[in-house]
Amino acid sequence: MATATAAAPPSTSSSSLLRRSLPPKFSAARCLAPRRCRARLRTACQVAVSSDVSPPPDVADEEAAAVPKIGKRVRVTAPVRVYHVSKAPDLDLRGMEGVVKQYVGVWKGKRITANRPFRVEFELKLDGQEKSVRFFVHLREDEFEFV
């Protein structure tokens, strides 16, 4: 037994096509991403909004402990050789005196891994030159003593 069914011709109305192709509860503000992705985005937004940007107290203490050392005269006690001074290559700093100019162990409120955190300025008087050569060296605290 054969039944004949009449198929309705496809509608050419754009409003009926649009109405059929959209999800049932569509709104412009709703995220069309999968549920997992939406949860991840929501968590990322919450973390970014509630993050604390103040430095940890131990970093502030470290920086506060280094501030009185800046500007002090120091004498190098360890055998430190530098090669970046063009006028005096292979220079041994032991016994030389300089001034602590900067502490670079903390940068923008965050601790950085500076293995030689004190920046010390030296002046070297060379034979045959009237002007002294100024250069900077990064040192650890155990490589110098305060004068």
C-alpha atoms as a PDB file:
ATOM      1  CA  MET A   1       0.000   0.000   0.000  1.00  0.00           C
ATOM      2  CA  ALA A   2       1.428   3.222  -1.127  1.00  0.00           C
ATOM      3  CA  THR A   3       0.574   6.540   0.367  1.00  0.00           C
ATOM      4  CA  ALA A   4       1.280   9.717  -1.341  1.00  0.00           C
ATOM      5  CA  THR A   5       2.309  12.665   0.767  1.00  0.00           C
ATOM      6  CA  ALA A   6       2.456  16.090  -0.590  1.00  0.00           C
ATOM      7  CA  ALA A   7       5.661  17.934   0.200  1.00  0.00           C
ATOM      8  CA  ALA A   8       5.300  21.599   0.893  1.00  0.00           C
ATOM      9  CA  PRO A   9       7.413  23.796  -1.323  1.00  0.00           C
ATOM     10  CA  PRO A  10      10.321  25.457   0.480  1.00  0.00           C
ATOM     11  CA  SER A  11       9.545  28.900   1.757  1.00  0.00           C
ATOM     12  CA  THR A  12      11.499  31.768   0.305  1.00  0.00           C
ATOM     13  CA  SER A  13      10.678  34.139   3.115  1.00  0.00           C
ATOM     14  CA  SER A  14      13.910  35.270   4.820  1.00  0.00           C
ATOM     15  CA  SER A  15      12.233  35.754   8.194  1.00  0.00           C
ATOM     16  CA  SER A  16      11.061  32.150   8.309  1.00  0.00           C
ATOM     17  CA  LEU A  17      14.559  30.902   7.340  1.00  0.00           C
ATOM     18  CA  LEU A  18      16.192  33.033   9.999  1.00  0.00           C
ATOM     19  CA  ARG A  19      13.728  31.920  12.626  1.00  0.00           C
ATOM     20  CA  ARG A  20      14.415  28.261  11.862  1.00  0.00           C
ATOM     21  CA  SER A  21      18.243  28.476  11.830  1.00  0.00           C
ATOM     22  CA  LEU A  22      18.696  30.207  15.194  1.00  0.00           C
ATOM     23  CA  PRO A  23      18.841  28.295  18.477  1.00  0.00           C
ATOM     24  CA  PRO A  24      15.659  28.452  20.536  1.00  0.00           C
ATOM     25  CA  LYS A  25      16.910  30.789  23.318  1.00  0.00           C
ATOM     26  CA  PHE A  26      19.235  33.047  21.360  1.00  0.00           C
ATOM     27  CA  SER A  27      20.335  36.411  22.654  1.00  0.00           C
ATOM     28  CA  ALA A  28      23.133  38.624  21.365  1.00  0.00           C
ATOM     29  CA  ALA A  29      24.989  38.639  24.726  1.00  0.00           C
ATOM     30  CA  ARG A  30      25.003  34.867  25.141  1.00  0.00           C
ATOM     31  CA  CYS A  31      28.261  33.087  24.496  1.00  0.00           C
ATOM     32  CA  LEU A  32      27.944  30.475  21.784  1.00  0.00           C
ATOM     33  CA  ALA A  33      31.062  28.619  22.952  1.00  0.00           C
ATOM     34  CA  PRO A  34      30.719  25.174  24.488  1.00  0.00           C
ATOM     35  CA  ARG A  35      29.864  24.979  28.170  1.00  0.00           C
ATOM     36  CA  ARG A  36      33.443  24.016  29.152  1.00  0.00           C
ATOM     37  CA  CYS A  37      34.884  27.032  27.352  1.00  0.00           C
ATOM     38  CA  ARG A  38      32.390  29.419  28.955  1.00  0.00           C
ATOM     39  CA  ALA A  39      33.334  28.192  32.439  1.00  0.00           C
ATOM     40  CA  ARG A  40      37.026  28.711  31.699  1.00  0.00           C
ATOM     41  CA  LEU A  41      36.405  32.247  30.429  1.00  0.00           C
ATOM     42  CA  ARG A  42      34.348  33.077  33.505  1.00  0.00           C
ATOM     43  CA  THR A  43      37.122  31.789  35.796  1.00  0.00           C
ATOM     44  CA  ALA A  44      39.788  33.753  33.920  1.00  0.00           C
ATOM     45  CA  CYS A  45      37.773  36.941  34.250  1.00  0.00           C
ATOM     46  CA  GLN A  46      37.285  36.393  37.990  1.00  0.00           C
ATOM     47  CA  VAL A  47      41.004  35.774  38.513  1.00  0.00           C
ATOM     48  CA  ALA A  48      42.004  38.872  36.575  1.00  0.00           C
ATOM     49  CA  VAL A  49      39.578  41.059  38.505  1.00  0.00           C
ATOM     50  CA  SER A  50      40.451  39.767  41.975  1.00  0.00           C
ATOM     51  CA  SER A  51      44.245  39.448  41.715  1.00  0.00           C
ATOM     52  CA  ASP A  52      46.327  41.332  44.271  1.00  0.00           C
ATOM     53  CA  VAL A  53      49.155  43.414  42.790  1.00  0.00           C
ATOM     54  CA  SER A  54      50.825  44.522  46.024  1.00  0.00           C
ATOM     55  CA  PRO A  55      54.318  43.091  46.591  1.00  0.00           C
ATOM     56  CA  PRO A  56      54.719  40.358  49.197  1.00  0.00           C
ATOM     57  CA  PRO A  57      55.975  41.617  52.565  1.00  0.00           C
ATOM     58  CA  ASP A  58      59.300  39.761  52.337  1.00  0.00           C
ATOM     59  CA  VAL A  59      60.172  41.585  49.080  1.00  0.00           C
ATOM     60  CA  ALA A  60      59.418  44.941  50.695  1.00  0.00           C
ATOM     61  CA  ASP A  61      61.593  43.982  53.686  1.00  0.00           C
ATOM     62  CA  GLU A  62      64.429  42.943  51.370  1.00  0.00           C
ATOM     63  CA  GLU A  63      64.279  46.221  49.481  1.00  0.00           C
ATOM     64  CA  ALA A  64      64.087  48.219  52.731  1.00  0.00           C
ATOM     65  CA  ALA A  65      67.173  46.395  54.048  1.00  0.00           C
ATOM     66  CA  ALA A  66      69.148  47.273  50.894  1.00  0.00           C
ATOM     67  CA  VAL A  67      68.266  50.987  50.826  1.00  0.00           C
ATOM     68  CA  PRO A  68      70.726  52.042  53.608  1.00  0.00           C
ATOM     69  CA  LYS A  69      73.575  50.351  51.698  1.00  0.00           C
ATOM     70  CA  ILE A  70      73.113  52.531  48.614  1.00  0.00           C
ATOM     71  CA  GLY A  71      75.628  55.383  48.487  1.00  0.00           C
ATOM     72  CA  LYS A  72      78.094  53.726  50.902  1.00  0.00           C
ATOM     73  CA  ARG A  73      81.775  53.238  50.058  1.00  0.00           C
ATOM     74  CA  VAL A  74      82.863  49.622  49.771  1.00  0.00           C
ATOM     75  CA  ARG A  75      86.121  47.702  49.310  1.00  0.00           C
ATOM     76  CA  VAL A  76      86.228  44.493  47.264  1.00  0.00           C
ATOM     77  CA  THR A  77      87.482  41.546  49.360  1.00  0.00           C
ATOM     78  CA  ALA A  78      87.014  38.646  46.943  1.00  0.00           C
ATOM     79  CA  PRO A  79      89.147  37.905  43.872  1.00  0.00           C
ATOM     80  CA  VAL A  80      86.874  39.360  41.196  1.00  0.00           C
ATOM     81  CA  ARG A  81      88.123  39.817  37.640  1.00  0.00           C
ATOM     82  CA  VAL A  82      86.311  41.926  35.049  1.00  0.00           C
ATOM     83  CA  TYR A  83      86.924  42.028  31.330  1.00  0.00           C
ATOM     84  CA  HIS A  84      84.461  44.701  30.180  1.00  0.00           C
ATOM     85  CA  VAL A  85      86.653  47.739  30.913  1.00  0.00           C
ATOM     86  CA  SER A  86      88.222  48.519  27.541  1.00  0.00           C
ATOM     87  CA  LYS A  87      91.062  50.696  28.898  1.00  0.00           C
ATOM     88  CA  ALA A  88      92.142  48.024  31.411  1.00  0.00           C
ATOM     89  CA  PRO A  89      91.327  44.496  30.214  1.00  0.00           C
ATOM     90  CA  ASP A  90      91.638  41.605  32.689  1.00  0.00           C
ATOM     91  CA  LEU A  91      91.289  43.885  35.715  1.00  0.00           C
ATOM     92  CA  ASP A  92      91.413  42.415  39.246  1.00  0.00           C
ATOM     93  CA  LEU A  93      89.126  44.331  41.612  1.00  0.00           C
ATOM     94  CA  ARG A  94      90.441  42.950  44.929  1.00  0.00           C
ATOM     95  CA  GLY A  95      91.299  45.863  47.214  1.00  0.00           C
ATOM     96  CA  MET A  96      89.654  48.519  45.030  1.00  0.00           C
ATOM     97  CA  GLU A  97      87.134  50.927  46.538  1.00  0.00           C
ATOM     98  CA  GLY A  98      83.883  52.024  44.978  1.00  0.00           C
ATOM     99  CA  VAL A  99      80.388  53.295  45.755  1.00  0.00           C
ATOM    100  CA  VAL A 100      77.197  51.190  45.826  1.00  0.00           C
ATOM    101  CA  LYS A 101      74.857  52.845  43.329  1.00  0.00           C
ATOM    102  CA  GLN A 102      71.867  50.515  43.064  1.00  0.00           C
ATOM    103  CA  TYR A 103      70.269  47.351  44.406  1.00  0.00           C
ATOM    104  CA  VAL A 104      68.831  45.346  41.511  1.00  0.00           C
ATOM    105  CA  GLY A 105      67.432  42.328  43.391  1.00  0.00           C
ATOM    106  CA  VAL A 106      63.928  43.856  43.317  1.00  0.00           C
ATOM    107  CA  TRP A 107      62.492  45.322  40.122  1.00  0.00           C
ATOM    108  CA  LYS A 108      59.041  46.970  39.945  1.00  0.00           C
ATOM    109  CA  GLY A 109      58.094  45.461  43.300  1.00  0.00           C
ATOM    110  CA  LYS A 110      58.973  41.895  42.276  1.00  0.00           C
ATOM    111  CA  ARG A 111      61.992  39.833  43.271  1.00  0.00           C
ATOM    112  CA  ILE A 112      64.203  38.970  40.331  1.00  0.00           C
ATOM    113  CA  THR A 113      66.944  36.380  40.223  1.00  0.00           C
ATOM    114  CA  ALA A 114      69.944  38.681  40.162  1.00  0.00           C
ATOM    115  CA  ASN A 115      72.911  36.560  41.179  1.00  0.00           C
ATOM    116  CA  ARG A 116      74.961  39.742  41.785  1.00  0.00           C
ATOM    117  CA  PRO A 117      72.388  42.281  43.006  1.00  0.00           C
ATOM    118  CA  PHE A 118      74.573  45.250  44.025  1.00  0.00           C
ATOM    119  CA  ARG A 119      75.681  47.646  41.300  1.00  0.00           C
ATOM    120  CA  VAL A 120      78.956  49.310  42.339  1.00  0.00           C
ATOM    121  CA  GLU A 121      80.685  52.203  40.557  1.00  0.00           C
ATOM    122  CA  PHE A 122      84.488  52.336  40.426  1.00  0.00           C
ATOM    123  CA  GLU A 123      86.922  55.001  39.224  1.00  0.00           C
ATOM    124  CA  LEU A 124      90.273  53.842  37.912  1.00  0.00           C
ATOM    125  CA  LYS A 125      93.192  56.225  37.456  1.00  0.00           C
ATOM    126  CA  LEU A 126      95.377  55.075  34.552  1.00  0.00           C
ATOM    127  CA  ASP A 127      98.953  56.126  33.831  1.00  0.00           C
ATOM    128  CA  GLY A 128      99.228  58.615  30.993  1.00  0.00           C
ATOM    129  CA  GLN A 129      95.576  59.749  31.227  1.00  0.00           C
ATOM    130  CA  GLU A 130      94.364  62.797  33.067  1.00  0.00           C
ATOM    131  CA  LYS A 131      90.740  61.623  33.330  1.00  0.00           C
ATOM    132  CA  SER A 132      89.867  58.581  35.396  1.00  0.00           C
ATOM    133  CA  VAL A 133      87.885  55.738  33.858  1.00  0.00           C
ATOM    134  CA  ARG A 134      84.486  55.114  35.467  1.00  0.00           C
ATOM    135  CA  PHE A 135      82.838  51.701  35.201  1.00  0.00           C
ATOM    136  CA  PHE A 136      80.142  49.659  36.924  1.00  0.00           C
ATOM    137  CA  VAL A 137      80.365  46.124  38.298  1.00  0.00           C
ATOM    138  CA  HIS A 138      77.638  43.916  39.763  1.00  0.00           C
ATOM    139  CA  LEU A 139      78.724  42.219  43.002  1.00  0.00           C
ATOM    140  CA  ARG A 140      77.312  39.917  45.670  1.00  0.00           C
ATOM    141  CA  GLU A 141      77.179  41.135  49.251  1.00  0.00           C
ATOM    142  CA  ASP A 142      79.865  38.661  50.342  1.00  0.00           C
ATOM    143  CA  GLU A 143      82.349  40.031  47.784  1.00  0.00           C
ATOM    144  CA  PHE A 144      82.759  43.437  49.426  1.00  0.00           C
ATOM    145  CA  GLU A 145      82.909  45.126  52.827  1.00  0.00           C
ATOM    146  CA  PHE A 146      81.775  48.565  53.879  1.00  0.00           C
ATOM    147  CA  VAL A 147      84.526  51.121  54.506  1.00  0.00           C
END
